Each structure stands twice: as C-alpha cells, then as structure tokens.
Amino acid sequence: MLKIISAFRALTAAGALTLSVAAYAAAADYAFEPVSAEIKSGKGSEVAVRLINKATGKPVSGAVLFRTQLDMSPDGMGGMLAEHKAMPAEEPGVYKFHADLSMAGGWALKIMAKVPGEADTVQGTVVFQAK
C-alpha cells in the first residue's frame, strides 16, 4: 500500500510540474516579424507580417487578429494613422494587409491576436520603412 501511495504522490507531483510548465507557455512565446521591412508608400501598399513560435521558429497559422493599428509612431507621429484592410491568407503564418500609406517613412503595425490553444492575447509591433 505504501508503494501505491508513493507512486500516486510521484504522479501527482509530475502532473503539477507539467501543469506549471504549461502555464508558463504564454503569449511571450510568440513574435510578429516583417516579411519585408521595406514597403512602398502610397495607396494599395502591401504590408505582411509573419507570426512565429519563438521556441520552434515555425510559423503559426490560424491566429485571429482582432485589433490592428498602422501608424507613423517610429517617426514620432503616432497620431498619423493609415487605413488598412486584411487580405486572405496565402502562406502559413503570414498575415497580409492592403494599406494606404500616405507618405514615406517609418510605420508601425500594432497587432493583437488570439493564437489557437493560447489563453493569453499575443501582442506585437512590427516596424516597416515605406519608400
């Protein structure tokens, strides 16, 4: 009976360790990066970002981007916003937008997303240089 109780305690401890490790897998394990850091300015510019899992380096598909903002905050003009519209996904883990970038300079795409299987919201800012 003592061996059964010891085995149960060991399994319980291992389960608790597994749960605590899973709890630490969080939104910080993901990052958005530019597909290309340089984009053209003007109407109909294409802005593309890749969502990756930092631990594996692999792209993450199926994320739901629910809040995005495209502004010129890298150039100190955070109030200058650009209209943008999501485009259909063509490549795993790549999220594209059509944007109307009114001028050349630094632009930041700020993103909030829900990743499948992740309880926390993933947030990121990707900086582009419009030419």
C-alpha atoms as a PDB file:
ATOM      1  CA  MET A   1       0.000   0.000   0.000  1.00  0.00           C
ATOM      2  CA  LEU A   2       2.880   2.360   0.823  1.00  0.00           C
ATOM      3  CA  LYS A   3       4.326   1.830  -2.681  1.00  0.00           C
ATOM      4  CA  ILE A   4       0.977   2.723  -4.252  1.00  0.00           C
ATOM      5  CA  ILE A   5       0.741   5.920  -2.198  1.00  0.00           C
ATOM      6  CA  SER A   6       4.338   6.846  -3.089  1.00  0.00           C
ATOM      7  CA  ALA A   7       3.661   6.206  -6.765  1.00  0.00           C
ATOM      8  CA  PHE A   8       0.477   8.307  -6.571  1.00  0.00           C
ATOM      9  CA  ARG A   9       2.409  11.168  -4.954  1.00  0.00           C
ATOM     10  CA  ALA A  10       5.096  10.969  -7.634  1.00  0.00           C
ATOM     11  CA  LEU A  11       2.483  11.064 -10.397  1.00  0.00           C
ATOM     12  CA  THR A  12       0.672  13.941  -8.726  1.00  0.00           C
ATOM     13  CA  ALA A  13       3.933  15.897  -8.434  1.00  0.00           C
ATOM     14  CA  ALA A  14       4.776  15.174 -12.079  1.00  0.00           C
ATOM     15  CA  GLY A  15       1.298  16.308 -13.116  1.00  0.00           C
ATOM     16  CA  ALA A  16       1.637  19.522 -11.118  1.00  0.00           C
ATOM     17  CA  LEU A  17       5.010  20.161 -12.745  1.00  0.00           C
ATOM     18  CA  THR A  18       3.506  19.588 -16.177  1.00  0.00           C
ATOM     19  CA  LEU A  19       0.657  21.984 -15.424  1.00  0.00           C
ATOM     20  CA  SER A  20       3.028  24.660 -14.163  1.00  0.00           C
ATOM     21  CA  VAL A  21       5.203  24.347 -17.258  1.00  0.00           C
ATOM     22  CA  ALA A  22       2.115  24.625 -19.474  1.00  0.00           C
ATOM     23  CA  ALA A  23       1.017  27.681 -17.525  1.00  0.00           C
ATOM     24  CA  TYR A  24       4.300  29.383 -18.347  1.00  0.00           C
ATOM     25  CA  ALA A  25       3.877  28.828 -22.074  1.00  0.00           C
ATOM     26  CA  ALA A  26       2.415  32.222 -22.797  1.00  0.00           C
ATOM     27  CA  ALA A  27       1.889  34.976 -25.271  1.00  0.00           C
ATOM     28  CA  ALA A  28       5.559  35.900 -24.876  1.00  0.00           C
ATOM     29  CA  ASP A  29       6.414  32.664 -26.730  1.00  0.00           C
ATOM     30  CA  TYR A  30       5.224  34.239 -29.996  1.00  0.00           C
ATOM     31  CA  ALA A  31       6.509  37.109 -32.096  1.00  0.00           C
ATOM     32  CA  PHE A  32       5.407  39.023 -35.155  1.00  0.00           C
ATOM     33  CA  GLU A  33       8.119  39.872 -37.681  1.00  0.00           C
ATOM     34  CA  PRO A  34       8.058  41.687 -41.016  1.00  0.00           C
ATOM     35  CA  VAL A  35       8.064  39.589 -44.160  1.00  0.00           C
ATOM     36  CA  SER A  36       9.864  42.556 -45.730  1.00  0.00           C
ATOM     37  CA  ALA A  37      10.947  45.580 -43.679  1.00  0.00           C
ATOM     38  CA  GLU A  38      10.790  47.851 -46.738  1.00  0.00           C
ATOM     39  CA  ILE A  39       7.468  48.553 -48.438  1.00  0.00           C
ATOM     40  CA  LYS A  40       6.252  51.057 -50.998  1.00  0.00           C
ATOM     41  CA  SER A  41       4.363  54.113 -49.877  1.00  0.00           C
ATOM     42  CA  GLY A  42       1.069  55.135 -51.445  1.00  0.00           C
ATOM     43  CA  LYS A  43      -2.342  53.593 -51.930  1.00  0.00           C
ATOM     44  CA  GLY A  44      -2.629  49.821 -52.023  1.00  0.00           C
ATOM     45  CA  SER A  45       0.693  49.078 -50.354  1.00  0.00           C
ATOM     46  CA  GLU A  46       1.067  45.511 -49.151  1.00  0.00           C
ATOM     47  CA  VAL A  47       2.115  45.040 -45.537  1.00  0.00           C
ATOM     48  CA  ALA A  48       2.873  41.461 -44.470  1.00  0.00           C
ATOM     49  CA  VAL A  49       3.864  40.027 -41.108  1.00  0.00           C
ATOM     50  CA  ARG A  50       4.774  36.525 -40.023  1.00  0.00           C
ATOM     51  CA  LEU A  51       3.722  35.110 -36.648  1.00  0.00           C
ATOM     52  CA  ILE A  52       6.277  32.667 -35.290  1.00  0.00           C
ATOM     53  CA  ASN A  53       6.631  30.450 -32.259  1.00  0.00           C
ATOM     54  CA  LYS A  54       9.917  31.593 -30.689  1.00  0.00           C
ATOM     55  CA  ALA A  55      10.748  28.139 -29.302  1.00  0.00           C
ATOM     56  CA  THR A  56      10.421  26.325 -32.627  1.00  0.00           C
ATOM     57  CA  GLY A  57      10.953  29.162 -35.099  1.00  0.00           C
ATOM     58  CA  LYS A  58       7.968  27.825 -37.051  1.00  0.00           C
ATOM     59  CA  PRO A  59       5.141  29.982 -38.434  1.00  0.00           C
ATOM     60  CA  VAL A  60       1.834  29.943 -36.561  1.00  0.00           C
ATOM     61  CA  SER A  61      -1.326  29.676 -38.647  1.00  0.00           C
ATOM     62  CA  GLY A  62      -4.910  30.226 -37.626  1.00  0.00           C
ATOM     63  CA  ALA A  63      -4.390  33.240 -35.372  1.00  0.00           C
ATOM     64  CA  VAL A  64      -7.295  35.663 -35.175  1.00  0.00           C
ATOM     65  CA  LEU A  65      -6.055  39.248 -35.480  1.00  0.00           C
ATOM     66  CA  PHE A  66      -8.705  41.301 -33.767  1.00  0.00           C
ATOM     67  CA  ARG A  67      -7.096  44.676 -33.282  1.00  0.00           C
ATOM     68  CA  THR A  68      -4.585  46.291 -35.612  1.00  0.00           C
ATOM     69  CA  GLN A  69      -3.324  49.831 -35.961  1.00  0.00           C
ATOM     70  CA  LEU A  70      -0.931  51.180 -38.557  1.00  0.00           C
ATOM     71  CA  ASP A  71       0.707  54.476 -37.603  1.00  0.00           C
ATOM     72  CA  MET A  72       3.867  56.532 -38.001  1.00  0.00           C
ATOM     73  CA  SER A  73       4.976  56.249 -34.370  1.00  0.00           C
ATOM     74  CA  PRO A  74       8.552  55.239 -35.363  1.00  0.00           C
ATOM     75  CA  ASP A  75       8.923  58.752 -36.801  1.00  0.00           C
ATOM     76  CA  GLY A  76       7.287  60.425 -33.788  1.00  0.00           C
ATOM     77  CA  MET A  77       3.911  60.829 -35.498  1.00  0.00           C
ATOM     78  CA  GLY A  78       1.781  58.254 -33.696  1.00  0.00           C
ATOM     79  CA  GLY A  79      -1.368  60.201 -34.493  1.00  0.00           C
ATOM     80  CA  MET A  80      -0.857  59.704 -38.230  1.00  0.00           C
ATOM     81  CA  LEU A  81      -2.827  56.559 -38.981  1.00  0.00           C
ATOM     82  CA  ALA A  82      -3.150  54.588 -42.195  1.00  0.00           C
ATOM     83  CA  GLU A  83      -6.265  52.784 -43.278  1.00  0.00           C
ATOM     84  CA  HIS A  84      -5.613  49.122 -43.868  1.00  0.00           C
ATOM     85  CA  LYS A  85      -7.597  46.013 -44.671  1.00  0.00           C
ATOM     86  CA  ALA A  86      -6.781  42.355 -44.019  1.00  0.00           C
ATOM     87  CA  MET A  87      -6.218  40.146 -47.039  1.00  0.00           C
ATOM     88  CA  PRO A  88      -6.839  36.390 -47.298  1.00  0.00           C
ATOM     89  CA  ALA A  89      -4.016  34.158 -46.053  1.00  0.00           C
ATOM     90  CA  GLU A  90      -1.929  32.602 -48.812  1.00  0.00           C
ATOM     91  CA  GLU A  91       1.023  31.278 -46.821  1.00  0.00           C
ATOM     92  CA  PRO A  92       1.046  29.548 -43.403  1.00  0.00           C
ATOM     93  CA  GLY A  93       1.664  32.027 -40.595  1.00  0.00           C
ATOM     94  CA  VAL A  94       1.741  35.084 -42.875  1.00  0.00           C
ATOM     95  CA  TYR A  95      -0.860  37.813 -42.386  1.00  0.00           C
ATOM     96  CA  LYS A  96      -1.189  40.467 -45.107  1.00  0.00           C
ATOM     97  CA  PHE A  97      -2.861  43.846 -45.323  1.00  0.00           C
ATOM     98  CA  HIS A  98      -3.563  46.381 -48.059  1.00  0.00           C
ATOM     99  CA  ALA A  99      -2.689  49.789 -46.673  1.00  0.00           C
ATOM    100  CA  ASP A 100      -2.832  53.381 -47.806  1.00  0.00           C
ATOM    101  CA  LEU A 101       0.498  54.770 -46.642  1.00  0.00           C
ATOM    102  CA  SER A 102       0.233  58.497 -47.247  1.00  0.00           C
ATOM    103  CA  MET A 103       3.959  59.205 -47.023  1.00  0.00           C
ATOM    104  CA  ALA A 104       7.396  57.653 -46.897  1.00  0.00           C
ATOM    105  CA  GLY A 105       8.951  56.992 -43.526  1.00  0.00           C
ATOM    106  CA  GLY A 106       8.708  54.674 -40.545  1.00  0.00           C
ATOM    107  CA  TRP A 107       5.406  52.901 -39.981  1.00  0.00           C
ATOM    108  CA  ALA A 108       4.429  50.562 -37.138  1.00  0.00           C
ATOM    109  CA  LEU A 109       1.785  47.864 -37.381  1.00  0.00           C
ATOM    110  CA  LYS A 110       0.493  47.169 -33.873  1.00  0.00           C
ATOM    111  CA  ILE A 111      -1.286  43.832 -33.569  1.00  0.00           C
ATOM    112  CA  MET A 112      -3.366  41.976 -31.002  1.00  0.00           C
ATOM    113  CA  ALA A 113      -4.175  38.355 -31.794  1.00  0.00           C
ATOM    114  CA  LYS A 114      -5.576  35.169 -30.359  1.00  0.00           C
ATOM    115  CA  VAL A 115      -3.456  32.121 -31.130  1.00  0.00           C
ATOM    116  CA  PRO A 116      -5.107  28.682 -31.201  1.00  0.00           C
ATOM    117  CA  GLY A 117      -4.534  26.903 -27.894  1.00  0.00           C
ATOM    118  CA  GLU A 118      -3.167  30.013 -26.175  1.00  0.00           C
ATOM    119  CA  ALA A 119      -5.224  31.632 -23.404  1.00  0.00           C
ATOM    120  CA  ASP A 120      -3.366  34.954 -23.437  1.00  0.00           C
ATOM    121  CA  THR A 121      -3.572  37.611 -26.123  1.00  0.00           C
ATOM    122  CA  VAL A 122      -0.457  37.862 -28.275  1.00  0.00           C
ATOM    123  CA  GLN A 123       0.612  41.452 -28.905  1.00  0.00           C
ATOM    124  CA  GLY A 124       3.284  42.793 -31.171  1.00  0.00           C
ATOM    125  CA  THR A 125       4.566  45.808 -33.048  1.00  0.00           C
ATOM    126  CA  VAL A 126       6.254  45.419 -36.419  1.00  0.00           C
ATOM    127  CA  VAL A 127       8.155  48.360 -37.893  1.00  0.00           C
ATOM    128  CA  PHE A 128       8.340  48.986 -41.629  1.00  0.00           C
ATOM    129  CA  GLN A 129      10.123  51.588 -43.722  1.00  0.00           C
ATOM    130  CA  ALA A 130       7.967  52.962 -46.532  1.00  0.00           C
ATOM    131  CA  LYS A 131       9.951  54.181 -49.550  1.00  0.00           C
END
